[in-house]
Amino acid sequence: MSTIKVVNIKNPSNSNNSVSIASDSSVSLKHNGSAKLTTTENGVSVTGTCTDSKGDLRDIPQNSQSSAYTLVAADAGKHISITTGGVTIPASIFAAGDAITIINDSGSDQTITCSAVTTYLASKTSAKSSLTLKARGLATFLFVSGTTVYAAGAGLE
């Protein structure tokens, strides 16, 4: 078995290190010579913003609505701020693991209509076709399939 020993791997088009290996066996992946991902004794360290296809993983993007709104697939991973008109959750738009938070940013109750989606309120055994999100309430909906969702939150009935 052959062994290759390196300390740095450089891009041939510039003098910046792309990968560095330290004497303690930690490895750093770099951008423009600056470490962005480094292995540590306990895992990894990230410098900068960690994103995926939905954006910054430390941020919950807002979709602000001021009239009746029907959720769309792009709402997965976001919070919907609604002031009037309520929200409809359609069937077969979301997949297992998708989560959406709805915030009632008003002083009035908002109706959440569960259109052909089996919805269970946390700790309740019967399915709901309509829920009420009280004034200034917040509720999160977690999909276990395209047609089944669980809901829990402050002010959700």
N, C-alpha and C. Protein backbone atom coordinates (compact mmCIF):
# COMPACT_ATOMS: atom_id res chain seq x y z
N MET A 1 0.84 -1.18 0.00
CA MET A 1 0.00 0.00 0.00
C MET A 1 0.88 1.24 0.00
N SER A 2 0.60 2.18 -0.87
CA SER A 2 1.38 3.41 -0.99
C SER A 2 0.81 4.48 -0.08
N THR A 3 1.67 5.37 0.35
CA THR A 3 1.27 6.50 1.17
C THR A 3 1.73 7.78 0.49
N ILE A 4 0.83 8.74 0.40
CA ILE A 4 1.18 10.05 -0.12
C ILE A 4 1.10 11.03 1.03
N LYS A 5 2.18 11.76 1.27
CA LYS A 5 2.20 12.72 2.36
C LYS A 5 2.18 14.12 1.77
N VAL A 6 1.17 14.92 2.22
CA VAL A 6 1.06 16.30 1.77
C VAL A 6 0.69 17.18 2.96
N VAL A 7 1.01 18.44 2.84
CA VAL A 7 0.61 19.42 3.84
C VAL A 7 -0.45 20.34 3.24
N ASN A 8 -0.26 20.73 1.98
CA ASN A 8 -1.18 21.62 1.30
C ASN A 8 -1.43 21.14 -0.12
N ILE A 9 -2.62 21.39 -0.60
CA ILE A 9 -2.95 21.16 -2.00
C ILE A 9 -3.33 22.53 -2.56
N LYS A 10 -2.65 22.91 -3.63
CA LYS A 10 -2.88 24.23 -4.20
C LYS A 10 -3.53 24.12 -5.56
N ASN A 11 -4.31 25.14 -5.88
CA ASN A 11 -4.87 25.28 -7.21
C ASN A 11 -3.74 25.73 -8.13
N PRO A 12 -3.53 25.07 -9.26
CA PRO A 12 -2.41 25.45 -10.12
C PRO A 12 -2.52 26.86 -10.71
N SER A 13 -3.70 27.47 -10.68
CA SER A 13 -3.84 28.79 -11.29
C SER A 13 -3.57 29.93 -10.32
N ASN A 14 -3.35 29.65 -9.03
CA ASN A 14 -2.99 30.71 -8.08
C ASN A 14 -2.15 30.13 -6.96
N SER A 15 -1.72 30.98 -6.05
CA SER A 15 -0.84 30.52 -4.97
C SER A 15 -1.58 30.17 -3.69
N ASN A 16 -2.91 30.25 -3.69
CA ASN A 16 -3.68 29.96 -2.48
C ASN A 16 -3.80 28.46 -2.26
N ASN A 17 -3.71 28.07 -0.99
CA ASN A 17 -3.96 26.68 -0.63
C ASN A 17 -5.45 26.41 -0.73
N SER A 18 -5.83 25.30 -1.32
CA SER A 18 -7.24 24.90 -1.38
C SER A 18 -7.57 23.95 -0.25
N VAL A 19 -6.61 23.10 0.11
CA VAL A 19 -6.77 22.13 1.18
C VAL A 19 -5.50 22.13 2.01
N SER A 20 -5.64 22.17 3.34
CA SER A 20 -4.49 22.10 4.23
C SER A 20 -4.70 20.97 5.22
N ILE A 21 -3.62 20.26 5.50
CA ILE A 21 -3.67 19.18 6.49
C ILE A 21 -2.67 19.54 7.59
N ALA A 22 -3.14 19.68 8.81
CA ALA A 22 -2.29 20.08 9.93
C ALA A 22 -1.67 18.86 10.59
N SER A 23 -0.67 19.11 11.43
CA SER A 23 0.02 18.01 12.12
C SER A 23 -0.90 17.24 13.06
N ASP A 24 -1.99 17.87 13.52
CA ASP A 24 -2.94 17.18 14.40
C ASP A 24 -3.99 16.40 13.60
N SER A 25 -3.79 16.30 12.28
CA SER A 25 -4.67 15.58 11.34
C SER A 25 -5.94 16.34 10.99
N SER A 26 -6.10 17.58 11.46
CA SER A 26 -7.26 18.34 11.03
C SER A 26 -7.07 18.74 9.57
N VAL A 27 -8.19 18.85 8.87
CA VAL A 27 -8.17 19.19 7.45
C VAL A 27 -9.01 20.45 7.26
N SER A 28 -8.51 21.39 6.49
CA SER A 28 -9.24 22.62 6.19
C SER A 28 -9.49 22.73 4.70
N LEU A 29 -10.75 22.98 4.36
CA LEU A 29 -11.10 23.31 2.98
C LEU A 29 -11.17 24.82 2.92
N LYS A 30 -10.52 25.39 1.89
CA LYS A 30 -10.39 26.84 1.85
C LYS A 30 -10.98 27.43 0.59
N HIS A 31 -11.36 28.70 0.70
CA HIS A 31 -11.79 29.49 -0.44
C HIS A 31 -10.92 30.74 -0.46
N ASN A 32 -10.21 30.93 -1.54
CA ASN A 32 -9.30 32.08 -1.65
C ASN A 32 -8.28 32.10 -0.52
N GLY A 33 -7.83 30.92 -0.08
CA GLY A 33 -6.83 30.82 0.97
C GLY A 33 -7.36 30.94 2.38
N SER A 34 -8.68 31.15 2.53
CA SER A 34 -9.28 31.32 3.85
C SER A 34 -10.09 30.08 4.21
N ALA A 35 -9.81 29.48 5.39
CA ALA A 35 -10.49 28.26 5.82
C ALA A 35 -11.99 28.49 5.96
N LYS A 36 -12.79 27.64 5.34
CA LYS A 36 -14.25 27.72 5.43
C LYS A 36 -14.83 26.51 6.17
N LEU A 37 -14.20 25.35 6.03
CA LEU A 37 -14.66 24.14 6.71
C LEU A 37 -13.42 23.43 7.25
N THR A 38 -13.37 23.23 8.55
CA THR A 38 -12.22 22.60 9.18
C THR A 38 -12.70 21.47 10.08
N THR A 39 -12.06 20.30 9.94
CA THR A 39 -12.39 19.20 10.84
C THR A 39 -11.73 19.47 12.19
N THR A 40 -12.43 19.05 13.26
CA THR A 40 -11.91 19.22 14.61
C THR A 40 -12.04 17.89 15.35
N GLU A 41 -11.54 17.86 16.55
CA GLU A 41 -11.65 16.66 17.37
C GLU A 41 -13.12 16.28 17.62
N ASN A 42 -14.01 17.29 17.67
CA ASN A 42 -15.41 17.06 17.98
C ASN A 42 -16.35 17.10 16.78
N GLY A 43 -15.83 17.30 15.57
CA GLY A 43 -16.70 17.37 14.40
C GLY A 43 -16.12 18.28 13.34
N VAL A 44 -16.88 19.33 12.98
CA VAL A 44 -16.40 20.29 12.00
C VAL A 44 -16.71 21.71 12.47
N SER A 45 -15.93 22.64 11.97
CA SER A 45 -16.14 24.05 12.24
C SER A 45 -16.36 24.74 10.91
N VAL A 46 -17.42 25.56 10.81
CA VAL A 46 -17.76 26.27 9.59
C VAL A 46 -17.54 27.75 9.82
N THR A 47 -16.81 28.38 8.91
CA THR A 47 -16.61 29.82 8.95
C THR A 47 -17.42 30.42 7.80
N GLY A 48 -18.32 31.34 8.12
CA GLY A 48 -19.17 31.93 7.09
C GLY A 48 -20.58 31.38 7.20
N THR A 49 -21.31 31.44 6.12
CA THR A 49 -22.70 31.02 6.07
C THR A 49 -22.81 29.61 5.52
N CYS A 50 -23.55 28.78 6.22
CA CYS A 50 -23.80 27.41 5.78
C CYS A 50 -25.16 27.39 5.09
N THR A 51 -25.19 27.10 3.79
CA THR A 51 -26.44 27.14 3.05
C THR A 51 -26.70 25.83 2.33
N ASP A 52 -27.95 25.61 2.00
CA ASP A 52 -28.34 24.52 1.11
C ASP A 52 -29.30 25.12 0.09
N SER A 53 -30.05 24.30 -0.61
CA SER A 53 -30.94 24.81 -1.66
C SER A 53 -32.04 25.72 -1.10
N LYS A 54 -32.28 25.67 0.21
CA LYS A 54 -33.31 26.51 0.81
C LYS A 54 -32.72 27.77 1.42
N GLY A 55 -31.38 27.92 1.39
CA GLY A 55 -30.77 29.14 1.90
C GLY A 55 -30.00 28.91 3.18
N ASP A 56 -29.79 29.97 3.93
CA ASP A 56 -29.02 29.95 5.17
C ASP A 56 -29.70 29.03 6.19
N LEU A 57 -28.97 28.05 6.67
CA LEU A 57 -29.55 27.07 7.60
C LEU A 57 -29.76 27.64 9.00
N ARG A 58 -29.28 28.83 9.25
CA ARG A 58 -29.47 29.47 10.55
C ARG A 58 -30.58 30.51 10.51
N ASP A 59 -31.32 30.53 9.43
CA ASP A 59 -32.32 31.55 9.20
C ASP A 59 -33.61 30.87 8.72
N ILE A 60 -34.76 31.37 9.14
CA ILE A 60 -36.04 30.86 8.64
C ILE A 60 -36.66 31.98 7.82
N PRO A 61 -36.55 31.89 6.49
CA PRO A 61 -37.05 32.97 5.63
C PRO A 61 -38.54 33.22 5.85
N GLN A 62 -38.92 34.47 5.67
CA GLN A 62 -40.32 34.87 5.84
C GLN A 62 -41.01 35.06 4.50
N ASN A 63 -42.25 34.60 4.43
CA ASN A 63 -43.14 34.88 3.31
C ASN A 63 -44.29 35.66 3.92
N SER A 64 -44.33 36.97 3.71
CA SER A 64 -45.33 37.82 4.32
C SER A 64 -46.56 37.93 3.42
N GLN A 65 -47.74 37.70 4.00
CA GLN A 65 -49.00 37.73 3.24
C GLN A 65 -50.01 38.64 3.94
N SER A 66 -50.77 39.40 3.14
CA SER A 66 -51.76 40.31 3.73
C SER A 66 -53.18 39.99 3.25
N SER A 67 -53.35 38.82 2.63
CA SER A 67 -54.69 38.37 2.24
C SER A 67 -54.68 36.85 2.23
N ALA A 68 -55.84 36.24 1.94
CA ALA A 68 -55.93 34.78 1.94
C ALA A 68 -54.78 34.18 1.13
N TYR A 69 -54.18 33.12 1.67
CA TYR A 69 -52.99 32.55 1.03
C TYR A 69 -53.06 31.02 1.03
N THR A 70 -52.72 30.41 -0.11
CA THR A 70 -52.59 28.97 -0.22
C THR A 70 -51.11 28.63 -0.30
N LEU A 71 -50.66 27.77 0.59
CA LEU A 71 -49.25 27.39 0.63
C LEU A 71 -48.81 26.76 -0.69
N VAL A 72 -47.54 26.96 -1.05
CA VAL A 72 -46.93 26.35 -2.23
C VAL A 72 -45.67 25.62 -1.80
N ALA A 73 -45.17 24.73 -2.65
CA ALA A 73 -44.01 23.90 -2.32
C ALA A 73 -42.82 24.74 -1.86
N ALA A 74 -42.62 25.90 -2.45
CA ALA A 74 -41.49 26.75 -2.09
C ALA A 74 -41.59 27.29 -0.67
N ASP A 75 -42.73 27.12 0.00
CA ASP A 75 -42.88 27.59 1.38
C ASP A 75 -42.25 26.64 2.40
N ALA A 76 -41.89 25.42 1.98
CA ALA A 76 -41.26 24.47 2.91
C ALA A 76 -39.99 25.11 3.48
N GLY A 77 -39.84 25.03 4.79
CA GLY A 77 -38.68 25.60 5.46
C GLY A 77 -38.81 27.08 5.76
N LYS A 78 -39.96 27.68 5.47
CA LYS A 78 -40.17 29.11 5.71
C LYS A 78 -41.20 29.33 6.80
N HIS A 79 -41.32 30.58 7.22
CA HIS A 79 -42.45 30.94 8.08
C HIS A 79 -43.32 31.92 7.30
N ILE A 80 -44.62 31.69 7.41
CA ILE A 80 -45.60 32.51 6.72
C ILE A 80 -46.18 33.47 7.75
N SER A 81 -46.04 34.76 7.50
CA SER A 81 -46.61 35.77 8.37
C SER A 81 -47.88 36.28 7.69
N ILE A 82 -49.03 36.05 8.33
CA ILE A 82 -50.33 36.40 7.73
C ILE A 82 -51.02 37.44 8.60
N THR A 83 -51.66 38.41 7.96
CA THR A 83 -52.37 39.43 8.72
C THR A 83 -53.88 39.34 8.54
N THR A 84 -54.35 38.74 7.45
CA THR A 84 -55.79 38.61 7.21
C THR A 84 -56.03 37.56 6.14
N GLY A 85 -57.21 36.94 6.17
CA GLY A 85 -57.62 36.03 5.11
C GLY A 85 -57.37 34.56 5.35
N GLY A 86 -56.51 34.21 6.28
CA GLY A 86 -56.25 32.82 6.59
C GLY A 86 -55.31 32.13 5.60
N VAL A 87 -55.05 30.85 5.88
CA VAL A 87 -54.10 30.06 5.09
C VAL A 87 -54.74 28.73 4.73
N THR A 88 -54.52 28.27 3.50
CA THR A 88 -54.97 26.95 3.07
C THR A 88 -53.75 26.06 2.86
N ILE A 89 -53.82 24.85 3.41
CA ILE A 89 -52.77 23.86 3.22
C ILE A 89 -53.29 22.84 2.21
N PRO A 90 -52.77 22.84 0.98
CA PRO A 90 -53.26 21.92 -0.05
C PRO A 90 -52.65 20.53 0.10
N ALA A 91 -53.29 19.55 -0.51
CA ALA A 91 -52.79 18.17 -0.46
C ALA A 91 -51.73 17.93 -1.53
N SER A 92 -50.86 16.98 -1.24
CA SER A 92 -49.88 16.46 -2.20
C SER A 92 -48.93 17.51 -2.77
N ILE A 93 -48.66 18.55 -2.01
CA ILE A 93 -47.69 19.57 -2.41
C ILE A 93 -46.39 19.37 -1.66
N PHE A 94 -46.49 18.93 -0.42
CA PHE A 94 -45.33 18.80 0.44
C PHE A 94 -44.96 17.33 0.62
N ALA A 95 -43.71 17.09 1.01
CA ALA A 95 -43.19 15.74 1.20
C ALA A 95 -42.85 15.52 2.68
N ALA A 96 -42.64 14.27 3.03
CA ALA A 96 -42.25 13.93 4.40
C ALA A 96 -41.01 14.73 4.79
N GLY A 97 -41.08 15.34 5.97
CA GLY A 97 -39.96 16.13 6.48
C GLY A 97 -40.10 17.62 6.24
N ASP A 98 -40.98 18.02 5.33
CA ASP A 98 -41.19 19.45 5.10
C ASP A 98 -41.86 20.06 6.33
N ALA A 99 -41.43 21.26 6.68
CA ALA A 99 -42.00 21.96 7.83
C ALA A 99 -42.28 23.41 7.43
N ILE A 100 -43.38 23.93 7.95
CA ILE A 100 -43.77 25.32 7.70
C ILE A 100 -44.31 25.88 9.01
N THR A 101 -43.91 27.08 9.34
CA THR A 101 -44.45 27.76 10.51
C THR A 101 -45.35 28.90 10.03
N ILE A 102 -46.50 29.01 10.65
CA ILE A 102 -47.44 30.09 10.33
C ILE A 102 -47.55 30.99 11.55
N ILE A 103 -47.39 32.29 11.31
CA ILE A 103 -47.48 33.28 12.37
C ILE A 103 -48.67 34.19 12.07
N ASN A 104 -49.56 34.30 13.04
CA ASN A 104 -50.69 35.23 12.91
C ASN A 104 -50.22 36.58 13.40
N ASP A 105 -49.84 37.44 12.46
CA ASP A 105 -49.31 38.76 12.80
C ASP A 105 -50.45 39.78 12.84
N SER A 106 -51.52 39.42 13.54
CA SER A 106 -52.66 40.33 13.65
C SER A 106 -53.35 40.12 15.00
N GLY A 107 -54.26 41.00 15.30
CA GLY A 107 -55.03 40.92 16.53
C GLY A 107 -56.31 40.12 16.39
N SER A 108 -56.52 39.48 15.22
CA SER A 108 -57.73 38.69 14.96
C SER A 108 -57.35 37.24 14.68
N ASP A 109 -58.29 36.33 14.95
CA ASP A 109 -58.06 34.91 14.65
C ASP A 109 -57.91 34.70 13.15
N GLN A 110 -57.11 33.71 12.77
CA GLN A 110 -56.94 33.32 11.36
C GLN A 110 -57.35 31.85 11.23
N THR A 111 -58.06 31.54 10.15
CA THR A 111 -58.46 30.16 9.89
C THR A 111 -57.41 29.49 9.02
N ILE A 112 -57.04 28.28 9.41
CA ILE A 112 -56.13 27.47 8.60
C ILE A 112 -56.95 26.32 8.07
N THR A 113 -57.17 26.32 6.76
CA THR A 113 -57.98 25.30 6.10
C THR A 113 -57.06 24.19 5.60
N CYS A 114 -57.38 22.97 5.98
CA CYS A 114 -56.57 21.81 5.59
C CYS A 114 -57.29 21.12 4.45
N SER A 115 -57.02 21.56 3.24
CA SER A 115 -57.71 21.11 2.04
C SER A 115 -57.24 19.73 1.60
N ALA A 116 -58.03 18.71 1.88
CA ALA A 116 -57.73 17.32 1.50
C ALA A 116 -56.42 16.83 2.09
N VAL A 117 -56.02 17.40 3.23
CA VAL A 117 -54.83 16.95 3.95
C VAL A 117 -55.31 16.43 5.30
N THR A 118 -54.85 15.27 5.70
CA THR A 118 -55.19 14.77 7.02
C THR A 118 -54.30 15.49 8.01
N THR A 119 -54.91 16.27 8.88
CA THR A 119 -54.17 17.10 9.83
C THR A 119 -54.49 16.69 11.25
N TYR A 120 -53.46 16.46 12.02
CA TYR A 120 -53.63 16.12 13.43
C TYR A 120 -53.02 17.23 14.27
N LEU A 121 -53.78 17.66 15.25
CA LEU A 121 -53.30 18.63 16.21
C LEU A 121 -52.56 17.85 17.28
N ALA A 122 -51.38 18.30 17.66
CA ALA A 122 -50.57 17.58 18.65
C ALA A 122 -51.40 17.21 19.86
N SER A 123 -51.29 15.99 20.30
CA SER A 123 -51.95 15.38 21.46
C SER A 123 -53.45 15.15 21.26
N LYS A 124 -53.96 15.31 20.06
CA LYS A 124 -55.37 15.02 19.76
C LYS A 124 -55.41 13.82 18.81
N THR A 125 -56.46 13.02 18.89
CA THR A 125 -56.52 11.81 18.07
C THR A 125 -57.39 11.94 16.83
N SER A 126 -58.21 12.96 16.76
CA SER A 126 -59.08 13.09 15.59
C SER A 126 -58.48 14.06 14.57
N ALA A 127 -58.69 13.75 13.29
CA ALA A 127 -58.20 14.60 12.22
C ALA A 127 -59.00 15.90 12.17
N LYS A 128 -58.36 16.96 11.75
CA LYS A 128 -59.00 18.28 11.66
C LYS A 128 -59.01 18.73 10.20
N SER A 129 -60.10 19.37 9.78
CA SER A 129 -60.15 19.92 8.43
C SER A 129 -59.97 21.44 8.46
N SER A 130 -60.08 21.99 9.65
CA SER A 130 -59.93 23.43 9.82
C SER A 130 -59.39 23.69 11.22
N LEU A 131 -58.48 24.63 11.33
CA LEU A 131 -57.91 25.01 12.61
C LEU A 131 -58.02 26.52 12.77
N THR A 132 -57.96 26.98 14.00
CA THR A 132 -57.96 28.41 14.27
C THR A 132 -56.63 28.76 14.91
N LEU A 133 -55.97 29.76 14.32
CA LEU A 133 -54.75 30.29 14.91
C LEU A 133 -55.12 31.63 15.54
N LYS A 134 -55.12 31.65 16.86
CA LYS A 134 -55.54 32.83 17.61
C LYS A 134 -54.63 34.03 17.32
N ALA A 135 -55.12 35.22 17.68
CA ALA A 135 -54.36 36.46 17.50
C ALA A 135 -52.95 36.31 18.06
N ARG A 136 -51.98 36.70 17.27
CA ARG A 136 -50.55 36.66 17.63
C ARG A 136 -50.06 35.25 17.91
N GLY A 137 -50.76 34.25 17.39
CA GLY A 137 -50.37 32.86 17.59
C GLY A 137 -49.30 32.42 16.60
N LEU A 138 -48.68 31.31 16.91
CA LEU A 138 -47.61 30.73 16.08
C LEU A 138 -47.80 29.22 16.06
N ALA A 139 -47.77 28.61 14.87
CA ALA A 139 -47.95 27.17 14.77
C ALA A 139 -47.02 26.60 13.71
N THR A 140 -46.49 25.43 13.99
CA THR A 140 -45.62 24.74 13.03
C THR A 140 -46.33 23.49 12.54
N PHE A 141 -46.21 23.26 11.23
CA PHE A 141 -46.81 22.11 10.57
C PHE A 141 -45.69 21.24 10.03
N LEU A 142 -45.66 19.96 10.45
CA LEU A 142 -44.64 19.03 10.02
C LEU A 142 -45.30 17.91 9.23
N PHE A 143 -44.89 17.76 7.98
CA PHE A 143 -45.47 16.74 7.10
C PHE A 143 -44.77 15.41 7.30
N VAL A 144 -45.57 14.35 7.48
CA VAL A 144 -45.02 12.99 7.55
C VAL A 144 -45.25 12.27 6.22
N SER A 145 -46.06 12.87 5.36
CA SER A 145 -46.26 12.41 3.98
C SER A 145 -46.89 13.57 3.22
N GLY A 146 -47.15 13.38 1.94
CA GLY A 146 -47.77 14.42 1.14
C GLY A 146 -49.20 14.73 1.54
N THR A 147 -49.81 13.82 2.32
CA THR A 147 -51.22 14.02 2.68
C THR A 147 -51.48 13.98 4.19
N THR A 148 -50.42 13.88 4.99
CA THR A 148 -50.60 13.87 6.44
C THR A 148 -49.63 14.85 7.08
N VAL A 149 -50.20 15.71 7.94
CA VAL A 149 -49.41 16.74 8.60
C VAL A 149 -49.80 16.81 10.07
N TYR A 150 -48.82 17.09 10.91
CA TYR A 150 -49.05 17.30 12.33
C TYR A 150 -48.81 18.77 12.65
N ALA A 151 -49.62 19.32 13.54
CA ALA A 151 -49.54 20.74 13.88
C ALA A 151 -49.46 20.94 15.37
N ALA A 152 -48.68 21.92 15.77
CA ALA A 152 -48.58 22.28 17.19
C ALA A 152 -48.17 23.75 17.28
N GLY A 153 -48.62 24.40 18.32
CA GLY A 153 -48.21 25.78 18.50
C GLY A 153 -49.02 26.53 19.52
N ALA A 154 -48.55 27.73 19.83
CA ALA A 154 -49.22 28.60 20.78
C ALA A 154 -50.39 29.27 20.10
N GLY A 155 -51.57 29.08 20.64
CA GLY A 155 -52.77 29.70 20.09
C GLY A 155 -53.42 28.91 18.96
N LEU A 156 -53.05 27.65 18.81
CA LEU A 156 -53.62 26.82 17.74
C LEU A 156 -54.73 25.94 18.33
N GLU A 157 -55.91 26.03 17.73
CA GLU A 157 -57.06 25.23 18.20
C GLU A 157 -57.68 24.53 17.04
